[in-house]
Amino acid sequence: KADGLAMWVTFFGVLCIDISTGLIIGIISTFILL
């Protein structure tokens, strides 16, 4: 569920904000979940 949540956060971050910000959000969310 943690990795799945990181995937969805990254997906919507890229899609709804922009590519770079979405990737940064995804990386940050991964470390937070870790």
PDB file of all heavy atoms in Angstrom:
ATOM      1  N   LYS A   1       0.827  -1.208   0.000  1.00  0.00           N
ATOM      2  CA  LYS A   1       0.000   0.000   0.000  1.00  0.00           C
ATOM      3  C   LYS A   1       0.861   1.258   0.000  1.00  0.00           C
ATOM      4  O   LYS A   1       0.521   2.275  -0.609  1.00  0.00           O
ATOM      5  CB  LYS A   1      -0.928  -0.003   1.230  1.00  0.00           C
ATOM      6  CG  LYS A   1      -1.927  -1.146   1.265  1.00  0.00           C
ATOM      7  CD  LYS A   1      -2.929  -1.039   0.119  1.00  0.00           C
ATOM      8  CE  LYS A   1      -4.038  -2.080   0.241  1.00  0.00           C
ATOM      9  NZ  LYS A   1      -3.558  -3.445  -0.015  1.00  0.00           N
ATOM     10  N   ALA A   2       2.013   1.200   0.690  1.00  0.00           N
ATOM     11  CA  ALA A   2       2.892   2.375   0.750  1.00  0.00           C
ATOM     12  C   ALA A   2       3.450   2.715  -0.629  1.00  0.00           C
ATOM     13  O   ALA A   2       3.418   3.864  -1.069  1.00  0.00           O
ATOM     14  CB  ALA A   2       4.030   2.130   1.745  1.00  0.00           C
ATOM     15  N   ASP A   3       3.974   1.698  -1.342  1.00  0.00           N
ATOM     16  CA  ASP A   3       4.505   1.935  -2.681  1.00  0.00           C
ATOM     17  C   ASP A   3       3.391   2.328  -3.650  1.00  0.00           C
ATOM     18  O   ASP A   3       3.595   3.165  -4.541  1.00  0.00           O
ATOM     19  CB  ASP A   3       5.221   0.681  -3.207  1.00  0.00           C
ATOM     20  CG  ASP A   3       6.556   0.458  -2.522  1.00  0.00           C
ATOM     21  OD1 ASP A   3       7.180   1.451  -2.105  1.00  0.00           O
ATOM     22  OD2 ASP A   3       6.970  -0.708  -2.387  1.00  0.00           O
ATOM     23  N   GLY A   4       2.218   1.711  -3.477  1.00  0.00           N
ATOM     24  CA  GLY A   4       1.082   2.078  -4.322  1.00  0.00           C
ATOM     25  C   GLY A   4       0.679   3.525  -4.115  1.00  0.00           C
ATOM     26  O   GLY A   4       0.374   4.249  -5.074  1.00  0.00           O
ATOM     27  N   LEU A   5       0.691   3.978  -2.858  1.00  0.00           N
ATOM     28  CA  LEU A   5       0.363   5.374  -2.560  1.00  0.00           C
ATOM     29  C   LEU A   5       1.388   6.311  -3.190  1.00  0.00           C
ATOM     30  O   LEU A   5       1.024   7.353  -3.760  1.00  0.00           O
ATOM     31  CB  LEU A   5       0.323   5.575  -1.044  1.00  0.00           C
ATOM     32  CG  LEU A   5      -0.013   6.986  -0.545  1.00  0.00           C
ATOM     33  CD1 LEU A   5      -1.408   7.397  -1.018  1.00  0.00           C
ATOM     34  CD2 LEU A   5       0.068   7.055   0.974  1.00  0.00           C
ATOM     35  N   ALA A   6       2.672   5.946  -3.112  1.00  0.00           N
ATOM     36  CA  ALA A   6       3.720   6.766  -3.723  1.00  0.00           C
ATOM     37  C   ALA A   6       3.519   6.870  -5.234  1.00  0.00           C
ATOM     38  O   ALA A   6       3.750   7.926  -5.834  1.00  0.00           O
ATOM     39  CB  ALA A   6       5.098   6.181  -3.417  1.00  0.00           C
ATOM     40  N   MET A   7       3.075   5.771  -5.862  1.00  0.00           N
ATOM     41  CA  MET A   7       2.823   5.787  -7.303  1.00  0.00           C
ATOM     42  C   MET A   7       1.705   6.757  -7.654  1.00  0.00           C
ATOM     43  O   MET A   7       1.825   7.559  -8.589  1.00  0.00           O
ATOM     44  CB  MET A   7       2.450   4.388  -7.796  1.00  0.00           C
ATOM     45  CG  MET A   7       3.620   3.427  -7.897  1.00  0.00           C
ATOM     46  SD  MET A   7       3.186   1.870  -8.724  1.00  0.00           S
ATOM     47  CE  MET A   7       3.135   2.403 -10.444  1.00  0.00           C
ATOM     48  N   TRP A   8       0.612   6.701  -6.901  1.00  0.00           N
ATOM     49  CA  TRP A   8      -0.515   7.583  -7.204  1.00  0.00           C
ATOM     50  C   TRP A   8      -0.183   9.042  -6.921  1.00  0.00           C
ATOM     51  O   TRP A   8      -0.593   9.940  -7.673  1.00  0.00           O
ATOM     52  CB  TRP A   8      -1.754   7.152  -6.405  1.00  0.00           C
ATOM     53  CG  TRP A   8      -2.418   5.935  -6.952  1.00  0.00           C
ATOM     54  CD1 TRP A   8      -2.477   4.694  -6.386  1.00  0.00           C
ATOM     55  CD2 TRP A   8      -3.112   5.825  -8.205  1.00  0.00           C
ATOM     56  NE1 TRP A   8      -3.159   3.823  -7.200  1.00  0.00           N
ATOM     57  CE2 TRP A   8      -3.572   4.480  -8.318  1.00  0.00           C
ATOM     58  CE3 TRP A   8      -3.390   6.725  -9.235  1.00  0.00           C
ATOM     59  CZ2 TRP A   8      -4.285   4.043  -9.424  1.00  0.00           C
ATOM     60  CZ3 TRP A   8      -4.107   6.271 -10.344  1.00  0.00           C
ATOM     61  CH2 TRP A   8      -4.544   4.960 -10.434  1.00  0.00           C
ATOM     62  N   VAL A   9       0.568   9.284  -5.856  1.00  0.00           N
ATOM     63  CA  VAL A   9       0.983  10.665  -5.547  1.00  0.00           C
ATOM     64  C   VAL A   9       1.845  11.214  -6.680  1.00  0.00           C
ATOM     65  O   VAL A   9       1.667  12.364  -7.123  1.00  0.00           O
ATOM     66  CB  VAL A   9       1.754  10.702  -4.204  1.00  0.00           C
ATOM     67  CG1 VAL A   9       2.461  12.041  -4.027  1.00  0.00           C
ATOM     68  CG2 VAL A   9       0.802  10.455  -3.036  1.00  0.00           C
ATOM     69  N   THR A  10       2.783  10.400  -7.158  1.00  0.00           N
ATOM     70  CA  THR A  10       3.639  10.822  -8.268  1.00  0.00           C
ATOM     71  C   THR A  10       2.816  11.066  -9.526  1.00  0.00           C
ATOM     72  O   THR A  10       2.999  12.077 -10.222  1.00  0.00           O
ATOM     73  CB  THR A  10       4.700   9.744  -8.562  1.00  0.00           C
ATOM     74  OG1 THR A  10       5.431   9.465  -7.376  1.00  0.00           O
ATOM     75  CG2 THR A  10       5.664  10.205  -9.644  1.00  0.00           C
ATOM     76  N   PHE A  11       1.914  10.153  -9.821  1.00  0.00           N
ATOM     77  CA  PHE A  11       1.095  10.259 -11.033  1.00  0.00           C
ATOM     78  C   PHE A  11       0.296  11.554 -11.047  1.00  0.00           C
ATOM     79  O   PHE A  11       0.332  12.309 -12.026  1.00  0.00           O
ATOM     80  CB  PHE A  11       0.165   9.050 -11.117  1.00  0.00           C
ATOM     81  CG  PHE A  11      -0.719   9.040 -12.335  1.00  0.00           C
ATOM     82  CD1 PHE A  11      -0.217   8.628 -13.558  1.00  0.00           C
ATOM     83  CD2 PHE A  11      -2.038   9.453 -12.254  1.00  0.00           C
ATOM     84  CE1 PHE A  11      -1.032   8.618 -14.690  1.00  0.00           C
ATOM     85  CE2 PHE A  11      -2.861   9.449 -13.373  1.00  0.00           C
ATOM     86  CZ  PHE A  11      -2.357   9.028 -14.597  1.00  0.00           C
ATOM     87  N   PHE A  12      -0.418  11.817  -9.965  1.00  0.00           N
ATOM     88  CA  PHE A  12      -1.248  13.023  -9.931  1.00  0.00           C
ATOM     89  C   PHE A  12      -0.407  14.291  -9.793  1.00  0.00           C
ATOM     90  O   PHE A  12      -0.791  15.358 -10.274  1.00  0.00           O
ATOM     91  CB  PHE A  12      -2.277  12.929  -8.802  1.00  0.00           C
ATOM     92  CG  PHE A  12      -3.411  11.988  -9.098  1.00  0.00           C
ATOM     93  CD1 PHE A  12      -3.567  10.818  -8.384  1.00  0.00           C
ATOM     94  CD2 PHE A  12      -4.303  12.259 -10.123  1.00  0.00           C
ATOM     95  CE1 PHE A  12      -4.598   9.931  -8.677  1.00  0.00           C
ATOM     96  CE2 PHE A  12      -5.340  11.385 -10.427  1.00  0.00           C
ATOM     97  CZ  PHE A  12      -5.481  10.218  -9.698  1.00  0.00           C
ATOM     98  N   GLY A  13       0.762  14.166  -9.152  1.00  0.00           N
ATOM     99  CA  GLY A  13       1.671  15.316  -9.069  1.00  0.00           C
ATOM    100  C   GLY A  13       2.153  15.737 -10.448  1.00  0.00           C
ATOM    101  O   GLY A  13       2.142  16.928 -10.795  1.00  0.00           O
ATOM    102  N   VAL A  14       2.580  14.752 -11.256  1.00  0.00           N
ATOM    103  CA  VAL A  14       3.038  15.043 -12.620  1.00  0.00           C
ATOM    104  C   VAL A  14       1.886  15.560 -13.470  1.00  0.00           C
ATOM    105  O   VAL A  14       2.016  16.542 -14.200  1.00  0.00           O
ATOM    106  CB  VAL A  14       3.645  13.777 -13.270  1.00  0.00           C
ATOM    107  CG1 VAL A  14       3.898  13.989 -14.758  1.00  0.00           C
ATOM    108  CG2 VAL A  14       4.933  13.390 -12.562  1.00  0.00           C
ATOM    109  N   LEU A  15       0.745  14.904 -13.361  1.00  0.00           N
ATOM    110  CA  LEU A  15      -0.386  15.214 -14.228  1.00  0.00           C
ATOM    111  C   LEU A  15      -1.038  16.551 -13.881  1.00  0.00           C
ATOM    112  O   LEU A  15      -1.457  17.296 -14.768  1.00  0.00           O
ATOM    113  CB  LEU A  15      -1.421  14.091 -14.133  1.00  0.00           C
ATOM    114  CG  LEU A  15      -2.199  13.736 -15.398  1.00  0.00           C
ATOM    115  CD1 LEU A  15      -1.249  13.356 -16.518  1.00  0.00           C
ATOM    116  CD2 LEU A  15      -3.170  12.603 -15.125  1.00  0.00           C
ATOM    117  N   CYS A  16      -1.108  16.875 -12.590  1.00  0.00           N
ATOM    118  CA  CYS A  16      -1.856  18.061 -12.163  1.00  0.00           C
ATOM    119  C   CYS A  16      -0.973  19.278 -11.882  1.00  0.00           C
ATOM    120  O   CYS A  16      -1.492  20.409 -11.822  1.00  0.00           O
ATOM    121  CB  CYS A  16      -2.673  17.745 -10.915  1.00  0.00           C
ATOM    122  SG  CYS A  16      -3.894  16.440 -11.190  1.00  0.00           S
ATOM    123  N   ILE A  17       0.343  19.082 -11.693  1.00  0.00           N
ATOM    124  CA  ILE A  17       1.219  20.230 -11.426  1.00  0.00           C
ATOM    125  C   ILE A  17       2.173  20.400 -12.599  1.00  0.00           C
ATOM    126  O   ILE A  17       1.958  21.215 -13.473  1.00  0.00           O
ATOM    127  CB  ILE A  17       1.982  20.056 -10.093  1.00  0.00           C
ATOM    128  CG1 ILE A  17       0.992  19.811  -8.936  1.00  0.00           C
ATOM    129  CG2 ILE A  17       2.820  21.302  -9.800  1.00  0.00           C
ATOM    130  CD1 ILE A  17       1.639  19.504  -7.606  1.00  0.00           C
ATOM    131  N   ASP A  18       3.252  19.646 -12.626  1.00  0.00           N
ATOM    132  CA  ASP A  18       4.146  19.582 -13.784  1.00  0.00           C
ATOM    133  C   ASP A  18       5.104  18.413 -13.590  1.00  0.00           C
ATOM    134  O   ASP A  18       5.138  17.792 -12.531  1.00  0.00           O
ATOM    135  CB  ASP A  18       4.911  20.894 -14.017  1.00  0.00           C
ATOM    136  CG  ASP A  18       5.800  21.280 -12.849  1.00  0.00           C
ATOM    137  OD1 ASP A  18       6.697  20.487 -12.496  1.00  0.00           O
ATOM    138  OD2 ASP A  18       5.613  22.373 -12.272  1.00  0.00           O
ATOM    139  N   ILE A  19       5.890  18.134 -14.612  1.00  0.00           N
ATOM    140  CA  ILE A  19       6.740  16.939 -14.607  1.00  0.00           C
ATOM    141  C   ILE A  19       7.755  16.959 -13.473  1.00  0.00           C
ATOM    142  O   ILE A  19       7.858  16.007 -12.699  1.00  0.00           O
ATOM    143  CB  ILE A  19       7.443  16.796 -15.978  1.00  0.00           C
ATOM    144  CG1 ILE A  19       6.463  16.233 -16.993  1.00  0.00           C
ATOM    145  CG2 ILE A  19       8.647  15.884 -15.883  1.00  0.00           C
ATOM    146  CD1 ILE A  19       7.062  15.947 -18.346  1.00  0.00           C
ATOM    147  N   SER A  20       8.520  18.035 -13.358  1.00  0.00           N
ATOM    148  CA  SER A  20       9.598  18.091 -12.361  1.00  0.00           C
ATOM    149  C   SER A  20       9.043  18.073 -10.940  1.00  0.00           C
ATOM    150  O   SER A  20       9.520  17.324 -10.085  1.00  0.00           O
ATOM    151  CB  SER A  20      10.451  19.340 -12.582  1.00  0.00           C
ATOM    152  OG  SER A  20      11.079  19.302 -13.845  1.00  0.00           O
ATOM    153  N   THR A  21       8.022  18.892 -10.694  1.00  0.00           N
ATOM    154  CA  THR A  21       7.430  18.945  -9.352  1.00  0.00           C
ATOM    155  C   THR A  21       6.824  17.602  -8.975  1.00  0.00           C
ATOM    156  O   THR A  21       6.952  17.142  -7.835  1.00  0.00           O
ATOM    157  CB  THR A  21       6.363  20.045  -9.278  1.00  0.00           C
ATOM    158  OG1 THR A  21       6.929  21.290  -9.694  1.00  0.00           O
ATOM    159  CG2 THR A  21       5.820  20.181  -7.867  1.00  0.00           C
ATOM    160  N   GLY A  22       6.164  16.967  -9.941  1.00  0.00           N
ATOM    161  CA  GLY A  22       5.560  15.660  -9.676  1.00  0.00           C
ATOM    162  C   GLY A  22       6.596  14.634  -9.287  1.00  0.00           C
ATOM    163  O   GLY A  22       6.375  13.833  -8.370  1.00  0.00           O
ATOM    164  N   LEU A  23       7.750  14.644  -9.972  1.00  0.00           N
ATOM    165  CA  LEU A  23       8.806  13.690  -9.639  1.00  0.00           C
ATOM    166  C   LEU A  23       9.378  13.971  -8.253  1.00  0.00           C
ATOM    167  O   LEU A  23       9.613  13.040  -7.465  1.00  0.00           O
ATOM    168  CB  LEU A  23       9.916  13.746 -10.680  1.00  0.00           C
ATOM    169  CG  LEU A  23      11.092  12.787 -10.456  1.00  0.00           C
ATOM    170  CD1 LEU A  23      10.622  11.339 -10.394  1.00  0.00           C
ATOM    171  CD2 LEU A  23      12.153  12.953 -11.539  1.00  0.00           C
ATOM    172  N   ILE A  24       9.588  15.245  -7.946  1.00  0.00           N
ATOM    173  CA  ILE A  24      10.104  15.608  -6.622  1.00  0.00           C
ATOM    174  C   ILE A  24       9.132  15.155  -5.535  1.00  0.00           C
ATOM    175  O   ILE A  24       9.537  14.588  -4.512  1.00  0.00           O
ATOM    176  CB  ILE A  24      10.346  17.124  -6.536  1.00  0.00           C
ATOM    177  CG1 ILE A  24      11.518  17.520  -7.449  1.00  0.00           C
ATOM    178  CG2 ILE A  24      10.639  17.551  -5.102  1.00  0.00           C
ATOM    179  CD1 ILE A  24      11.700  19.019  -7.594  1.00  0.00           C
ATOM    180  N   ILE A  25       7.840  15.389  -5.762  1.00  0.00           N
ATOM    181  CA  ILE A  25       6.819  14.960  -4.797  1.00  0.00           C
ATOM    182  C   ILE A  25       6.861  13.445  -4.626  1.00  0.00           C
ATOM    183  O   ILE A  25       6.764  12.925  -3.509  1.00  0.00           O
ATOM    184  CB  ILE A  25       5.418  15.422  -5.255  1.00  0.00           C
ATOM    185  CG1 ILE A  25       5.293  16.944  -5.140  1.00  0.00           C
ATOM    186  CG2 ILE A  25       4.328  14.742  -4.436  1.00  0.00           C
ATOM    187  CD1 ILE A  25       4.016  17.493  -5.729  1.00  0.00           C
ATOM    188  N   GLY A  26       7.017  12.732  -5.735  1.00  0.00           N
ATOM    189  CA  GLY A  26       7.090  11.272  -5.670  1.00  0.00           C
ATOM    190  C   GLY A  26       8.283  10.790  -4.869  1.00  0.00           C
ATOM    191  O   GLY A  26       8.163   9.879  -4.045  1.00  0.00           O
ATOM    192  N   ILE A  27       9.451  11.412  -5.102  1.00  0.00           N
ATOM    193  CA  ILE A  27      10.660  11.022  -4.366  1.00  0.00           C
ATOM    194  C   ILE A  27      10.506  11.323  -2.888  1.00  0.00           C
ATOM    195  O   ILE A  27      10.832  10.499  -2.024  1.00  0.00           O
ATOM    196  CB  ILE A  27      11.894  11.744  -4.946  1.00  0.00           C
ATOM    197  CG1 ILE A  27      12.166  11.268  -6.378  1.00  0.00           C
ATOM    198  CG2 ILE A  27      13.124  11.492  -4.077  1.00  0.00           C
ATOM    199  CD1 ILE A  27      13.220  12.074  -7.097  1.00  0.00           C
ATOM    200  N   ILE A  28       9.989  12.517  -2.574  1.00  0.00           N
ATOM    201  CA  ILE A  28       9.785  12.896  -1.169  1.00  0.00           C
ATOM    202  C   ILE A  28       8.803  11.951  -0.489  1.00  0.00           C
ATOM    203  O   ILE A  28       9.027  11.497   0.643  1.00  0.00           O
ATOM    204  CB  ILE A  28       9.307  14.357  -1.065  1.00  0.00           C
ATOM    205  CG1 ILE A  28      10.422  15.319  -1.492  1.00  0.00           C
ATOM    206  CG2 ILE A  28       8.852  14.680   0.355  1.00  0.00           C
ATOM    207  CD1 ILE A  28       9.986  16.774  -1.576  1.00  0.00           C
ATOM    208  N   SER A  29       7.713  11.635  -1.189  1.00  0.00           N
ATOM    209  CA  SER A  29       6.711  10.733  -0.597  1.00  0.00           C
ATOM    210  C   SER A  29       7.309   9.352  -0.343  1.00  0.00           C
ATOM    211  O   SER A  29       6.996   8.709   0.664  1.00  0.00           O
ATOM    212  CB  SER A  29       5.491  10.619  -1.518  1.00  0.00           C
ATOM    213  OG  SER A  29       5.819   9.946  -2.724  1.00  0.00           O
ATOM    214  N   THR A  30       8.202   8.910  -1.242  1.00  0.00           N
ATOM    215  CA  THR A  30       8.861   7.618  -1.045  1.00  0.00           C
ATOM    216  C   THR A  30       9.682   7.611   0.235  1.00  0.00           C
ATOM    217  O   THR A  30       9.631   6.658   1.023  1.00  0.00           O
ATOM    218  CB  THR A  30       9.778   7.292  -2.243  1.00  0.00           C
ATOM    219  OG1 THR A  30       8.999   7.263  -3.430  1.00  0.00           O
ATOM    220  CG2 THR A  30      10.447   5.935  -2.057  1.00  0.00           C
ATOM    221  N   PHE A  31      10.452   8.685   0.449  1.00  0.00           N
ATOM    222  CA  PHE A  31      11.294   8.749   1.642  1.00  0.00           C
ATOM    223  C   PHE A  31      10.445   8.886   2.910  1.00  0.00           C
ATOM    224  O   PHE A  31      10.773   8.299   3.944  1.00  0.00           O
ATOM    225  CB  PHE A  31      12.279   9.908   1.536  1.00  0.00           C
ATOM    226  CG  PHE A  31      13.485   9.584   0.705  1.00  0.00           C
ATOM    227  CD1 PHE A  31      13.609  10.068  -0.581  1.00  0.00           C
ATOM    228  CD2 PHE A  31      14.491   8.765   1.198  1.00  0.00           C
ATOM    229  CE1 PHE A  31      14.716   9.760  -1.360  1.00  0.00           C
ATOM    230  CE2 PHE A  31      15.597   8.444   0.438  1.00  0.00           C
ATOM    231  CZ  PHE A  31      15.715   8.945  -0.846  1.00  0.00           C
ATOM    232  N   ILE A  32       9.356   9.646   2.819  1.00  0.00           N
ATOM    233  CA  ILE A  32       8.473   9.777   3.986  1.00  0.00           C
ATOM    234  C   ILE A  32       7.880   8.419   4.350  1.00  0.00           C
ATOM    235  O   ILE A  32       7.846   8.017   5.530  1.00  0.00           O
ATOM    236  CB  ILE A  32       7.355  10.799   3.705  1.00  0.00           C
ATOM    237  CG1 ILE A  32       7.943  12.218   3.639  1.00  0.00           C
ATOM    238  CG2 ILE A  32       6.278  10.734   4.792  1.00  0.00           C
ATOM    239  CD1 ILE A  32       6.942  13.278   3.238  1.00  0.00           C
ATOM    240  N   LEU A  33       7.412   7.692   3.341  1.00  0.00           N
ATOM    241  CA  LEU A  33       6.834   6.369   3.589  1.00  0.00           C
ATOM    242  C   LEU A  33       7.893   5.379   4.075  1.00  0.00           C
ATOM    243  O   LEU A  33       7.604   4.510   4.906  1.00  0.00           O
ATOM    244  CB  LEU A  33       6.173   5.842   2.316  1.00  0.00           C
ATOM    245  CG  LEU A  33       4.905   6.589   1.897  1.00  0.00           C
ATOM    246  CD1 LEU A  33       4.485   6.200   0.484  1.00  0.00           C
ATOM    247  CD2 LEU A  33       3.771   6.323   2.878  1.00  0.00           C
ATOM    248  N   LEU A  34       9.120   5.526   3.562  1.00  0.00           N
ATOM    249  CA  LEU A  34      10.217   4.674   4.033  1.00  0.00           C
ATOM    250  C   LEU A  34      10.503   4.927   5.509  1.00  0.00           C
ATOM    251  O   LEU A  34      10.642   3.980   6.305  1.00  0.00           O
ATOM    252  CB  LEU A  34      11.472   4.934   3.199  1.00  0.00           C
ATOM    253  CG  LEU A  34      12.748   4.189   3.635  1.00  0.00           C
ATOM    254  CD1 LEU A  34      12.565   2.687   3.487  1.00  0.00           C
ATOM    255  CD2 LEU A  34      13.948   4.663   2.832  1.00  0.00           C
TER     256      LEU A  34
END
